[in-house]
Amino acid sequence: MLRKIVLLIALTLSAFAGSESAYPTHWKSYESVKTPLATIGALPDCNADVSSLPAIYQETVATYCAVKPGGPGAVEILVNKSAKEPYAKRNGKFPDGATMILHLKDLKVLFVTTYKGNKPLYSIYTESGQDAAGKPGSGLNPNDCRKCHTGYGAFCVNGQCATQK
């Protein structure tokens, strides 16, 4: 009976588990890459008029404003050295492991894209390694990440979002 209860608790917790992959303990060794977002250095303020921007940018601003009213502030895009070449090719083929991180510097939060069998997994951690994934719709949930990363084919290839293809 005890075994069944432990199994039920484990299944229940996994159903509500936050992040989909392990915390990348070596994330500080990742390389900062230049992207339009990284060049700007921050996401727009939540009051900014982004209506003339493509829908993916509008949704990105709305999502991260849900994380922090006023906007998350400074950002940095980090890429694992082992994934630099696939990242540059932008063909959606990545090695297994943590690959890319959107670092919300002011909030000290890491949005991590990890690949397993060339499928993206999404995780949200604090810089110190605490799982920061929240409920769906919070902007801090792997399914929130997946919604954008799969919903904008002109911008995203197998989990990697960047400038339009």
Foldseek 3Di string as FASTA:
>chain_A
DVVVVVVVVVVVCVVVPFFDDFDPLVQVPFDWDDAVLVVVFFQQFLPDPCVVPPPLSVLLQVLQCLQPPRGLTGKTKTFHPQFPVVLVVQQQAGDFFWTIWIQSPSQQKTWIWGDDPSATTTFIAGVVGHGPADDPPSSRGRVSLVCSQVVDVQAHHRSDGGPGD
